[in-house]
C-alpha cells in the first residue's frame, strides 16, 4: 500500500513538473468581420476596390507549438463591387463564372511564425477549379478575449498579389490589370 501511494505521489509530482502543452484550438470565421477584398487597375484610370461579403471556414491555432492552419471558403456570388450591374458582370463566365464555380477556397500548407506572431501563410488558392500555390503576407495579428462575446478570438490582416489569367479570368488584360491585389481582413471566434 505504501509503495502504491509513493508511486502515485511520484507520478503526480512528475505530471505537475512536466511542461503543460496546450492543444490546438479551433476558431470559426466571423462572417460579419471577415472580408476578402481585391483591387486592380481599371485601364490605368483608377484603382478599383471590391470585396466578397460571405466567407466561412476555420483557423486552427496552437499557441504553444506555434503552428496554425487556415481553411477558408469564399462565396463568389457575394462579390460586392458597389454597383449591382457590375456585380452580375463580374460573375460572368469571362471572370468569376459563379454559375459553374460558386465558391473559391484557400487552404494553408504551412504557417510561418516569428516568435508568437504568424508572418506568412503558404497555401493553395482555388478559383474557377484552378488551384495555385499562393503565399499570404500577414501584416497584423492579434489574439484576446472578445470584449462582447466573452470568448477567445483572433484577428489578422494579410495580403498577396495574384494574376487573373492564372485562374482563367484574364479578360481585358492588360488594359484591366492582370495583377490583382488581395487584402484579407479576418476575425474568428473560438468554438
Protein backbone atom coordinates (compact mmCIF):
# COMPACT_ATOMS: atom_id res chain seq x y z
CA UNK A 1 0.00 0.00 0.00
CA UNK A 2 2.82 2.40 0.93
CA UNK A 3 4.57 1.57 -2.33
CA UNK A 4 1.35 2.39 -4.29
CA UNK A 5 0.94 5.72 -2.51
CA UNK A 6 4.61 6.54 -3.11
CA UNK A 7 4.27 5.62 -6.80
CA UNK A 8 1.15 7.81 -7.17
CA UNK A 9 2.86 10.68 -5.36
CA UNK A 10 5.90 10.48 -7.68
CA UNK A 11 3.61 10.30 -10.73
CA UNK A 12 1.64 13.37 -9.60
CA UNK A 13 4.81 15.38 -8.96
CA UNK A 14 6.20 14.31 -12.33
CA UNK A 15 2.99 15.37 -14.05
CA UNK A 16 3.00 18.71 -12.23
CA UNK A 17 6.65 19.32 -13.12
CA UNK A 18 6.16 18.46 -16.81
CA UNK A 19 5.53 21.44 -19.10
CA UNK A 20 1.86 21.99 -19.93
CA UNK A 21 1.18 21.90 -23.64
CA UNK A 22 -1.96 23.49 -24.99
CA UNK A 23 -3.92 21.59 -27.56
CA UNK A 24 -4.70 23.21 -30.90
CA UNK A 25 -7.74 25.47 -30.68
CA UNK A 26 -10.28 25.84 -33.48
CA UNK A 27 -11.73 29.26 -34.31
CA UNK A 28 -14.75 29.76 -36.59
CA UNK A 29 -14.60 32.58 -39.11
CA UNK A 30 -16.73 35.57 -38.07
CA UNK A 31 -18.56 36.28 -41.33
CA UNK A 32 -19.58 39.75 -40.12
CA UNK A 33 -15.93 40.85 -39.81
CA UNK A 34 -14.11 38.77 -42.44
CA UNK A 35 -13.84 40.31 -45.89
CA UNK A 36 -11.52 39.25 -48.71
CA UNK A 37 -11.02 42.41 -50.80
CA UNK A 38 -9.45 42.74 -54.22
CA UNK A 39 -8.11 45.71 -56.14
CA UNK A 40 -6.85 46.22 -59.68
CA UNK A 41 -6.06 48.95 -62.18
CA UNK A 42 -9.00 49.82 -64.42
CA UNK A 43 -7.50 50.95 -67.76
CA UNK A 44 -4.98 52.97 -65.75
CA UNK A 45 -7.74 55.42 -64.83
CA UNK A 46 -8.17 54.27 -61.27
CA UNK A 47 -7.57 51.52 -58.75
CA UNK A 48 -10.85 49.67 -58.23
CA UNK A 49 -11.63 48.05 -54.87
CA UNK A 50 -14.26 45.34 -54.33
CA UNK A 51 -14.93 42.64 -51.76
CA UNK A 52 -16.72 39.39 -51.04
CA UNK A 53 -19.42 39.60 -48.36
CA UNK A 54 -19.71 35.92 -47.37
CA UNK A 55 -16.80 33.89 -46.07
CA UNK A 56 -16.74 30.75 -43.92
CA UNK A 57 -14.13 28.40 -42.54
CA UNK A 58 -11.81 27.80 -39.63
CA UNK A 59 -8.44 28.73 -38.23
CA UNK A 60 -6.72 26.12 -36.08
CA UNK A 61 -4.06 27.59 -33.83
CA UNK A 62 -1.67 26.06 -31.31
CA UNK A 63 -0.08 28.94 -29.43
CA UNK A 64 2.48 26.80 -27.57
CA UNK A 65 3.65 24.84 -30.62
CA UNK A 66 3.50 27.95 -32.85
CA UNK A 67 1.54 26.16 -35.52
CA UNK A 68 -1.64 27.06 -37.34
CA UNK A 69 -3.86 26.01 -40.22
CA UNK A 70 -6.31 28.02 -42.28
CA UNK A 71 -9.25 26.63 -44.25
CA UNK A 72 -11.41 29.29 -45.93
CA UNK A 73 -14.34 29.18 -48.37
CA UNK A 74 -15.46 32.34 -50.17
CA UNK A 75 -18.95 32.63 -51.65
CA UNK A 76 -18.06 34.10 -55.05
CA UNK A 77 -21.69 35.13 -55.65
CA UNK A 78 -21.32 37.56 -52.74
CA UNK A 79 -18.96 39.77 -54.75
CA UNK A 80 -19.64 43.42 -53.99
CA UNK A 81 -18.26 45.99 -56.43
CA UNK A 82 -20.57 48.73 -55.21
CA UNK A 83 -22.65 48.53 -58.41
CA UNK A 84 -25.26 45.78 -58.73
CA UNK A 85 -24.99 45.65 -62.53
CA UNK A 86 -21.23 45.17 -62.34
CA UNK A 87 -21.63 42.52 -59.62
CA UNK A 88 -23.53 40.46 -62.22
CA UNK A 89 -20.99 41.26 -64.95
CA UNK A 90 -18.01 40.12 -62.87
CA UNK A 91 -19.82 36.88 -62.01
CA UNK A 92 -19.96 36.03 -65.73
CA UNK A 93 -18.03 33.27 -67.50
CA UNK A 94 -15.14 35.56 -68.52
CA UNK A 95 -14.38 36.47 -64.93
CA UNK A 96 -15.59 34.53 -61.83
CA UNK A 97 -18.05 32.20 -63.63
CA UNK A 98 -20.10 31.78 -60.46
CA UNK A 99 -22.74 29.66 -62.25
CA UNK A 100 -20.17 26.87 -62.54
CA UNK A 101 -17.81 27.81 -59.68
CA UNK A 102 -19.85 29.36 -56.84
CA UNK A 103 -17.01 29.18 -54.30
CA UNK A 104 -13.30 29.73 -54.05
CA UNK A 105 -11.13 28.14 -51.37
CA UNK A 106 -7.85 28.79 -49.63
CA UNK A 107 -6.19 26.00 -47.63
CA UNK A 108 -2.89 26.51 -45.87
CA UNK A 109 0.00 24.09 -46.16
CA UNK A 110 2.25 25.92 -43.69
CA UNK A 111 2.08 28.94 -41.41
CA UNK A 112 5.43 30.59 -40.68
CA UNK A 113 5.89 32.25 -37.28
CA UNK A 114 8.40 34.79 -35.98
CA UNK A 115 8.17 34.45 -32.23
CA UNK A 116 4.48 34.27 -31.35
CA UNK A 117 3.33 36.05 -34.50
CA UNK A 118 2.39 34.40 -37.78
CA UNK A 119 4.11 36.28 -40.61
CA UNK A 120 3.41 34.18 -43.70
CA UNK A 121 0.80 31.65 -44.77
CA UNK A 122 1.70 29.28 -47.58
CA UNK A 123 -1.25 27.54 -49.17
CA UNK A 124 -3.38 26.70 -52.18
CA UNK A 125 -5.91 29.08 -53.68
CA UNK A 126 -8.60 27.56 -55.90
CA UNK A 127 -10.67 29.80 -58.17
CA UNK A 128 -12.76 28.52 -61.10
CA UNK A 129 -11.47 25.00 -60.45
CA UNK A 130 -7.84 26.10 -60.89
CA UNK A 131 -5.54 25.56 -57.89
CA UNK A 132 -2.33 27.56 -57.50
CA UNK A 133 0.16 27.99 -54.65
CA UNK A 134 -0.32 31.39 -53.03
CA UNK A 135 1.59 32.89 -50.10
CA UNK A 136 -0.14 35.47 -47.92
CA UNK A 137 1.93 38.01 -46.00
CA UNK A 138 0.42 38.59 -42.56
CA UNK A 139 0.52 42.32 -41.82
CA UNK A 140 -1.18 42.20 -38.41
CA UNK A 141 -2.27 39.57 -35.88
CA UNK A 142 -3.98 39.83 -32.51
CA UNK A 143 -5.48 37.40 -30.03
CA UNK A 144 -7.54 38.26 -26.96
CA UNK A 145 -10.91 37.58 -25.38
CA UNK A 146 -13.65 39.16 -27.49
CA UNK A 147 -14.99 42.05 -25.39
CA UNK A 148 -18.63 41.43 -26.38
CA UNK A 149 -18.79 37.67 -26.90
CA UNK A 150 -16.60 36.78 -23.90
CA UNK A 151 -14.82 34.08 -25.93
CA UNK A 152 -11.24 33.90 -27.17
CA UNK A 153 -10.86 35.49 -30.58
CA UNK A 154 -8.18 36.11 -33.18
CA UNK A 155 -7.86 38.73 -35.88
CA UNK A 156 -5.46 39.22 -38.74
CA UNK A 157 -4.84 41.06 -41.96
CA UNK A 158 -2.96 39.50 -44.86
CA UNK A 159 -2.13 40.42 -48.44
CA UNK A 160 -0.82 38.95 -51.69
CA UNK A 161 -0.83 39.59 -55.44
CA UNK A 162 -2.20 37.08 -57.96
CA UNK A 163 -2.71 37.10 -61.73
CA UNK A 164 -6.26 36.79 -63.05
CA UNK A 165 -5.00 34.91 -66.09
CA UNK A 166 -3.63 32.14 -63.82
CA UNK A 167 -7.24 31.38 -62.89
CA UNK A 168 -8.80 31.66 -66.36
CA UNK A 169 -10.22 35.09 -65.55
CA UNK A 170 -7.90 37.33 -67.58
CA UNK A 171 -10.31 39.03 -69.99
CA UNK A 172 -9.30 42.59 -70.98
CA UNK A 173 -5.75 42.18 -69.62
CA UNK A 174 -3.51 44.11 -69.68
CA UNK A 175 -5.88 47.11 -70.02
CA UNK A 176 -7.69 45.92 -66.93
CA UNK A 177 -4.67 44.78 -64.96
CA UNK A 178 -3.89 41.09 -64.87
CA UNK A 179 -2.36 41.56 -61.42
CA UNK A 180 -4.88 41.74 -58.61
CA UNK A 181 -4.01 42.63 -55.03
CA UNK A 182 -5.86 40.58 -52.42
CA UNK A 183 -6.25 42.05 -48.93
CA UNK A 184 -7.94 39.87 -46.37
CA UNK A 185 -9.39 41.13 -43.09
CA UNK A 186 -10.16 38.13 -40.86
CA UNK A 187 -11.70 37.66 -37.45
CA UNK A 188 -12.50 34.30 -35.88
CA UNK A 189 -14.12 33.19 -32.62
CA UNK A 190 -13.10 30.12 -30.61
CA UNK A 191 -15.57 27.23 -30.90
